Amino acid sequence: MKLSVNLVAWNGAKYIPYLMKSLRNQTLKDWSLFVLDNNSTDNTLELIKHETEDFPVFVDIFANKVNSGF
């Protein structure tokens, strides 16, 4: 793996579809996506899980039980 994209999210549901579309359109295929959701109270985590079901690269999602910040 040449690159890892690390996403720290908290209540960012309105941005997730745009972000995932952009990541899917990347021409580099040798990368991984690591997501840390900081206990979002909207549907951010559910959207991320849905958007990454058939993702073209490895995805690892961590869901914090508390918002630990950045």
PDB file of N, CA and C in Angstrom:
ATOM      1  N   MET A   1       0.850  -1.169   0.000  1.00  0.00           N
ATOM      2  CA  MET A   1       0.000   0.000   0.000  1.00  0.00           C
ATOM      3  C   MET A   1       0.895   1.232   0.000  1.00  0.00           C
ATOM      4  N   LYS A   2       0.618   2.134  -0.911  1.00  0.00           N
ATOM      5  CA  LYS A   2       1.404   3.347  -1.031  1.00  0.00           C
ATOM      6  C   LYS A   2       0.830   4.515  -0.258  1.00  0.00           C
ATOM      7  N   LEU A   3      -0.480   4.508  -0.005  1.00  0.00           N
ATOM      8  CA  LEU A   3      -1.122   5.662   0.589  1.00  0.00           C
ATOM      9  C   LEU A   3      -2.257   5.216   1.493  1.00  0.00           C
ATOM     10  N   SER A   4      -2.428   5.928   2.599  1.00  0.00           N
ATOM     11  CA  SER A   4      -3.621   5.704   3.421  1.00  0.00           C
ATOM     12  C   SER A   4      -4.325   7.038   3.605  1.00  0.00           C
ATOM     13  N   VAL A   5      -5.629   6.999   3.451  1.00  0.00           N
ATOM     14  CA  VAL A   5      -6.477   8.165   3.695  1.00  0.00           C
ATOM     15  C   VAL A   5      -7.116   7.937   5.049  1.00  0.00           C
ATOM     16  N   ASN A   6      -6.940   8.903   5.940  1.00  0.00           N
ATOM     17  CA  ASN A   6      -7.454   8.785   7.302  1.00  0.00           C
ATOM     18  C   ASN A   6      -8.532   9.831   7.509  1.00  0.00           C
ATOM     19  N   LEU A   7      -9.730   9.376   7.779  1.00  0.00           N
ATOM     20  CA  LEU A   7     -10.865  10.266   7.951  1.00  0.00           C
ATOM     21  C   LEU A   7     -11.328  10.225   9.399  1.00  0.00           C
ATOM     22  N   VAL A   8     -11.310  11.382  10.052  1.00  0.00           N
ATOM     23  CA  VAL A   8     -11.893  11.520  11.384  1.00  0.00           C
ATOM     24  C   VAL A   8     -13.210  12.252  11.180  1.00  0.00           C
ATOM     25  N   ALA A   9     -14.302  11.623  11.590  1.00  0.00           N
ATOM     26  CA  ALA A   9     -15.619  12.188  11.307  1.00  0.00           C
ATOM     27  C   ALA A   9     -16.415  12.395  12.586  1.00  0.00           C
ATOM     28  N   TRP A  10     -17.222  13.443  12.558  1.00  0.00           N
ATOM     29  CA  TRP A  10     -18.193  13.682  13.625  1.00  0.00           C
ATOM     30  C   TRP A  10     -19.320  14.529  13.053  1.00  0.00           C
ATOM     31  N   ASN A  11     -20.497  13.951  12.966  1.00  0.00           N
ATOM     32  CA  ASN A  11     -21.694  14.639  12.470  1.00  0.00           C
ATOM     33  C   ASN A  11     -21.458  15.331  11.120  1.00  0.00           C
ATOM     34  N   GLY A  12     -20.861  14.604  10.206  1.00  0.00           N
ATOM     35  CA  GLY A  12     -20.587  15.160   8.886  1.00  0.00           C
ATOM     36  C   GLY A  12     -21.391  14.505   7.782  1.00  0.00           C
ATOM     37  N   ALA A  13     -22.577  14.021   8.092  1.00  0.00           N
ATOM     38  CA  ALA A  13     -23.385  13.259   7.139  1.00  0.00           C
ATOM     39  C   ALA A  13     -23.594  13.991   5.818  1.00  0.00           C
ATOM     40  N   LYS A  14     -23.764  15.295   5.861  1.00  0.00           N
ATOM     41  CA  LYS A  14     -24.044  16.021   4.620  1.00  0.00           C
ATOM     42  C   LYS A  14     -22.850  16.033   3.670  1.00  0.00           C
ATOM     43  N   TYR A  15     -21.650  15.747   4.184  1.00  0.00           N
ATOM     44  CA  TYR A  15     -20.450  15.766   3.347  1.00  0.00           C
ATOM     45  C   TYR A  15     -20.039  14.382   2.838  1.00  0.00           C
ATOM     46  N   ILE A  16     -20.500  13.335   3.495  1.00  0.00           N
ATOM     47  CA  ILE A  16     -20.038  11.975   3.203  1.00  0.00           C
ATOM     48  C   ILE A  16     -20.271  11.556   1.749  1.00  0.00           C
ATOM     49  N   PRO A  17     -21.447  11.757   1.167  1.00  0.00           N
ATOM     50  CA  PRO A  17     -21.629  11.336  -0.230  1.00  0.00           C
ATOM     51  C   PRO A  17     -20.653  12.016  -1.193  1.00  0.00           C
ATOM     52  N   TYR A  18     -20.372  13.292  -0.982  1.00  0.00           N
ATOM     53  CA  TYR A  18     -19.429  14.016  -1.843  1.00  0.00           C
ATOM     54  C   TYR A  18     -18.008  13.504  -1.662  1.00  0.00           C
ATOM     55  N   LEU A  19     -17.638  13.257  -0.421  1.00  0.00           N
ATOM     56  CA  LEU A  19     -16.307  12.733  -0.134  1.00  0.00           C
ATOM     57  C   LEU A  19     -16.110  11.361  -0.769  1.00  0.00           C
ATOM     58  N   MET A  20     -17.068  10.478  -0.579  1.00  0.00           N
ATOM     59  CA  MET A  20     -16.933   9.119  -1.109  1.00  0.00           C
ATOM     60  C   MET A  20     -16.913   9.105  -2.634  1.00  0.00           C
ATOM     61  N   LYS A  21     -17.689   9.969  -3.252  1.00  0.00           N
ATOM     62  CA  LYS A  21     -17.653  10.064  -4.710  1.00  0.00           C
ATOM     63  C   LYS A  21     -16.268  10.487  -5.174  1.00  0.00           C
ATOM     64  N   SER A  22     -15.702  11.455  -4.512  1.00  0.00           N
ATOM     65  CA  SER A  22     -14.358  11.922  -4.858  1.00  0.00           C
ATOM     66  C   SER A  22     -13.326  10.818  -4.666  1.00  0.00           C
ATOM     67  N   LEU A  23     -13.409  10.091  -3.561  1.00  0.00           N
ATOM     68  CA  LEU A  23     -12.454   9.009  -3.316  1.00  0.00           C
ATOM     69  C   LEU A  23     -12.607   7.881  -4.335  1.00  0.00           C
ATOM     70  N   ARG A  24     -13.839   7.576  -4.720  1.00  0.00           N
ATOM     71  CA  ARG A  24     -14.060   6.536  -5.735  1.00  0.00           C
ATOM     72  C   ARG A  24     -13.468   6.916  -7.086  1.00  0.00           C
ATOM     73  N   ASN A  25     -13.403   8.196  -7.376  1.00  0.00           N
ATOM     74  CA  ASN A  25     -12.914   8.668  -8.670  1.00  0.00           C
ATOM     75  C   ASN A  25     -11.395   8.786  -8.743  1.00  0.00           C
ATOM     76  N   GLN A  26     -10.713   8.431  -7.680  1.00  0.00           N
ATOM     77  CA  GLN A  26      -9.256   8.493  -7.692  1.00  0.00           C
ATOM     78  C   GLN A  26      -8.703   7.499  -8.706  1.00  0.00           C
ATOM     79  N   THR A  27      -7.659   7.889  -9.389  1.00  0.00           N
ATOM     80  CA  THR A  27      -7.039   6.972 -10.353  1.00  0.00           C
ATOM     81  C   THR A  27      -6.016   6.059  -9.680  1.00  0.00           C
ATOM     82  N   LEU A  28      -5.434   6.500  -8.577  1.00  0.00           N
ATOM     83  CA  LEU A  28      -4.521   5.652  -7.819  1.00  0.00           C
ATOM     84  C   LEU A  28      -5.337   4.567  -7.125  1.00  0.00           C
ATOM     85  N   LYS A  29      -4.940   3.323  -7.283  1.00  0.00           N
ATOM     86  CA  LYS A  29      -5.700   2.218  -6.702  1.00  0.00           C
ATOM     87  C   LYS A  29      -4.962   1.533  -5.553  1.00  0.00           C
ATOM     88  N   ASP A  30      -3.725   1.939  -5.291  1.00  0.00           N
ATOM     89  CA  ASP A  30      -2.930   1.314  -4.245  1.00  0.00           C
ATOM     90  C   ASP A  30      -2.995   2.164  -2.973  1.00  0.00           C
ATOM     91  N   TRP A  31      -4.182   2.188  -2.356  1.00  0.00           N
ATOM     92  CA  TRP A  31      -4.372   2.967  -1.135  1.00  0.00           C
ATOM     93  C   TRP A  31      -5.444   2.317  -0.283  1.00  0.00           C
ATOM     94  N   SER A  32      -5.546   2.765   0.950  1.00  0.00           N
ATOM     95  CA  SER A  32      -6.542   2.252   1.889  1.00  0.00           C
ATOM     96  C   SER A  32      -7.232   3.419   2.577  1.00  0.00           C
ATOM     97  N   LEU A  33      -8.442   3.172   3.043  1.00  0.00           N
ATOM     98  CA  LEU A  33      -9.218   4.180   3.748  1.00  0.00           C
ATOM     99  C   LEU A  33      -9.443   3.724   5.183  1.00  0.00           C
ATOM    100  N   PHE A  34      -9.027   4.557   6.126  1.00  0.00           N
ATOM    101  CA  PHE A  34      -9.252   4.307   7.544  1.00  0.00           C
ATOM    102  C   PHE A  34     -10.179   5.399   8.063  1.00  0.00           C
ATOM    103  N   VAL A  35     -11.274   4.984   8.693  1.00  0.00           N
ATOM    104  CA  VAL A  35     -12.276   5.935   9.179  1.00  0.00           C
ATOM    105  C   VAL A  35     -12.394   5.798  10.690  1.00  0.00           C
ATOM    106  N   LEU A  36     -12.397   6.941  11.366  1.00  0.00           N
ATOM    107  CA  LEU A  36     -12.674   6.987  12.790  1.00  0.00           C
ATOM    108  C   LEU A  36     -13.870   7.903  12.988  1.00  0.00           C
ATOM    109  N   ASP A  37     -14.977   7.333  13.416  1.00  0.00           N
ATOM    110  CA  ASP A  37     -16.152   8.141  13.719  1.00  0.00           C
ATOM    111  C   ASP A  37     -16.163   8.422  15.213  1.00  0.00           C
ATOM    112  N   ASN A  38     -16.228   9.711  15.555  1.00  0.00           N
ATOM    113  CA  ASN A  38     -16.176  10.152  16.946  1.00  0.00           C
ATOM    114  C   ASN A  38     -17.568  10.266  17.557  1.00  0.00           C
ATOM    115  N   ASN A  39     -18.279   9.143  17.566  1.00  0.00           N
ATOM    116  CA  ASN A  39     -19.586   9.068  18.205  1.00  0.00           C
ATOM    117  C   ASN A  39     -20.578  10.084  17.619  1.00  0.00           C
ATOM    118  N   SER A  40     -20.689  10.089  16.295  1.00  0.00           N
ATOM    119  CA  SER A  40     -21.633  10.987  15.622  1.00  0.00           C
ATOM    120  C   SER A  40     -23.049  10.743  16.123  1.00  0.00           C
ATOM    121  N   THR A  41     -23.810  11.831  16.228  1.00  0.00           N
ATOM    122  CA  THR A  41     -25.192  11.714  16.667  1.00  0.00           C
ATOM    123  C   THR A  41     -26.173  11.825  15.504  1.00  0.00           C
ATOM    124  N   ASP A  42     -25.649  12.081  14.303  1.00  0.00           N
ATOM    125  CA  ASP A  42     -26.487  12.036  13.105  1.00  0.00           C
ATOM    126  C   ASP A  42     -26.239  10.682  12.427  1.00  0.00           C
ATOM    127  N   ASN A  43     -26.506  10.556  11.175  1.00  0.00           N
ATOM    128  CA  ASN A  43     -26.332   9.257  10.504  1.00  0.00           C
ATOM    129  C   ASN A  43     -25.010   9.138   9.759  1.00  0.00           C
ATOM    130  N   THR A  44     -23.988   9.850  10.205  1.00  0.00           N
ATOM    131  CA  THR A  44     -22.677   9.803   9.558  1.00  0.00           C
ATOM    132  C   THR A  44     -22.135   8.383   9.467  1.00  0.00           C
ATOM    133  N   LEU A  45     -22.103   7.678  10.577  1.00  0.00           N
ATOM    134  CA  LEU A  45     -21.528   6.330  10.586  1.00  0.00           C
ATOM    135  C   LEU A  45     -22.290   5.389   9.659  1.00  0.00           C
ATOM    136  N   GLU A  46     -23.601   5.461   9.678  1.00  0.00           N
ATOM    137  CA  GLU A  46     -24.408   4.604   8.804  1.00  0.00           C
ATOM    138  C   GLU A  46     -24.146   4.927   7.334  1.00  0.00           C
ATOM    139  N   LEU A  47     -24.022   6.210   7.014  1.00  0.00           N
ATOM    140  CA  LEU A  47     -23.722   6.602   5.637  1.00  0.00           C
ATOM    141  C   LEU A  47     -22.359   6.096   5.197  1.00  0.00           C
ATOM    142  N   ILE A  48     -21.373   6.223   6.064  1.00  0.00           N
ATOM    143  CA  ILE A  48     -20.033   5.741   5.732  1.00  0.00           C
ATOM    144  C   ILE A  48     -20.058   4.242   5.470  1.00  0.00           C
ATOM    145  N   LYS A  49     -20.725   3.509   6.334  1.00  0.00           N
ATOM    146  CA  LYS A  49     -20.819   2.056   6.145  1.00  0.00           C
ATOM    147  C   LYS A  49     -21.515   1.725   4.832  1.00  0.00           C
ATOM    148  N   HIS A  50     -22.588   2.423   4.527  1.00  0.00           N
ATOM    149  CA  HIS A  50     -23.312   2.188   3.281  1.00  0.00           C
ATOM    150  C   HIS A  50     -22.451   2.541   2.065  1.00  0.00           C
ATOM    151  N   GLU A  51     -21.803   3.686   2.106  1.00  0.00           N
ATOM    152  CA  GLU A  51     -20.997   4.162   0.972  1.00  0.00           C
ATOM    153  C   GLU A  51     -19.775   3.288   0.715  1.00  0.00           C
ATOM    154  N   THR A  52     -19.299   2.572   1.721  1.00  0.00           N
ATOM    155  CA  THR A  52     -18.083   1.772   1.549  1.00  0.00           C
ATOM    156  C   THR A  52     -18.358   0.277   1.379  1.00  0.00           C
ATOM    157  N   GLU A  53     -19.615  -0.105   1.208  1.00  0.00           N
ATOM    158  CA  GLU A  53     -19.938  -1.529   1.041  1.00  0.00           C
ATOM    159  C   GLU A  53     -19.201  -2.165  -0.132  1.00  0.00           C
ATOM    160  N   ASP A  54     -19.192  -1.522  -1.268  1.00  0.00           N
ATOM    161  CA  ASP A  54     -18.508  -2.048  -2.460  1.00  0.00           C
ATOM    162  C   ASP A  54     -17.388  -1.111  -2.881  1.00  0.00           C
ATOM    163  N   PHE A  55     -16.599  -0.681  -1.919  1.00  0.00           N
ATOM    164  CA  PHE A  55     -15.549   0.292  -2.194  1.00  0.00           C
ATOM    165  C   PHE A  55     -14.390  -0.379  -2.928  1.00  0.00           C
ATOM    166  N   PRO A  56     -13.712   0.347  -3.821  1.00  0.00           N
ATOM    167  CA  PRO A  56     -12.667  -0.275  -4.638  1.00  0.00           C
ATOM    168  C   PRO A  56     -11.359  -0.547  -3.906  1.00  0.00           C
ATOM    169  N   VAL A  57     -11.220  -0.100  -2.653  1.00  0.00           N
ATOM    170  CA  VAL A  57      -9.995  -0.342  -1.891  1.00  0.00           C
ATOM    171  C   VAL A  57     -10.364  -0.831  -0.488  1.00  0.00           C
ATOM    172  N   PHE A  58      -9.353  -1.246   0.249  1.00  0.00           N
ATOM    173  CA  PHE A  58      -9.553  -1.696   1.627  1.00  0.00           C
ATOM    174  C   PHE A  58     -10.069  -0.542   2.478  1.00  0.00           C
ATOM    175  N   VAL A  59     -11.082  -0.834   3.311  1.00  0.00           N
ATOM    176  CA  VAL A  59     -11.656   0.161   4.223  1.00  0.00           C
ATOM    177  C   VAL A  59     -11.713  -0.452   5.617  1.00  0.00           C
ATOM    178  N   ASP A  60     -11.270   0.312   6.608  1.00  0.00           N
ATOM    179  CA  ASP A  60     -11.364  -0.108   8.000  1.00  0.00           C
ATOM    180  C   ASP A  60     -12.068   1.010   8.765  1.00  0.00           C
ATOM    181  N   ILE A  61     -13.163   0.662   9.442  1.00  0.00           N
ATOM    182  CA  ILE A  61     -13.980   1.665  10.138  1.00  0.00           C
ATOM    183  C   ILE A  61     -13.939   1.402  11.635  1.00  0.00           C
ATOM    184  N   PHE A  62     -13.612   2.451  12.381  1.00  0.00           N
ATOM    185  CA  PHE A  62     -13.610   2.404  13.836  1.00  0.00           C
ATOM    186  C   PHE A  62     -14.702   3.343  14.329  1.00  0.00           C
ATOM    187  N   ALA A  63     -15.497   2.895  15.279  1.00  0.00           N
ATOM    188  CA  ALA A  63     -16.571   3.727  15.829  1.00  0.00           C
ATOM    189  C   ALA A  63     -16.308   3.958  17.310  1.00  0.00           C
ATOM    190  N   ASN A  64     -15.898   5.175  17.652  1.00  0.00           N
ATOM    191  CA  ASN A  64     -15.704   5.518  19.057  1.00  0.00           C
ATOM    192  C   ASN A  64     -17.032   5.602  19.775  1.00  0.00           C
ATOM    193  N   LYS A  65     -17.044   5.245  21.045  1.00  0.00           N
ATOM    194  CA  LYS A  65     -18.237   5.352  21.866  1.00  0.00           C
ATOM    195  C   LYS A  65     -18.350   6.727  22.520  1.00  0.00           C
ATOM    196  N   VAL A  66     -17.274   7.510  22.425  1.00  0.00           N
ATOM    197  CA  VAL A  66     -17.251   8.896  22.913  1.00  0.00           C
ATOM    198  C   VAL A  66     -16.543   9.749  21.868  1.00  0.00           C
ATOM    199  N   ASN A  67     -16.803  11.042  21.881  1.00  0.00           N
ATOM    200  CA  ASN A  67     -16.106  11.948  20.982  1.00  0.00           C
ATOM    201  C   ASN A  67     -14.776  12.310  21.623  1.00  0.00           C
ATOM    202  N   SER A  68     -13.703  11.731  21.111  1.00  0.00           N
ATOM    203  CA  SER A  68     -12.377  11.973  21.686  1.00  0.00           C
ATOM    204  C   SER A  68     -11.644  13.105  20.984  1.00  0.00           C
ATOM    205  N   GLY A  69     -12.292  13.771  20.026  1.00  0.00           N
ATOM    206  CA  GLY A  69     -11.685  14.892  19.319  1.00  0.00           C
ATOM    207  C   GLY A  69     -10.701  14.444  18.248  1.00  0.00           C
ATOM    208  N   PHE A  70     -10.011  15.408  17.699  1.00  0.00           N
ATOM    209  CA  PHE A  70      -9.044  15.119  16.654  1.00  0.00           C
ATOM    210  C   PHE A  70      -7.688  14.835  17.249  1.00  0.00           C
TER     211      PHE A  70
END
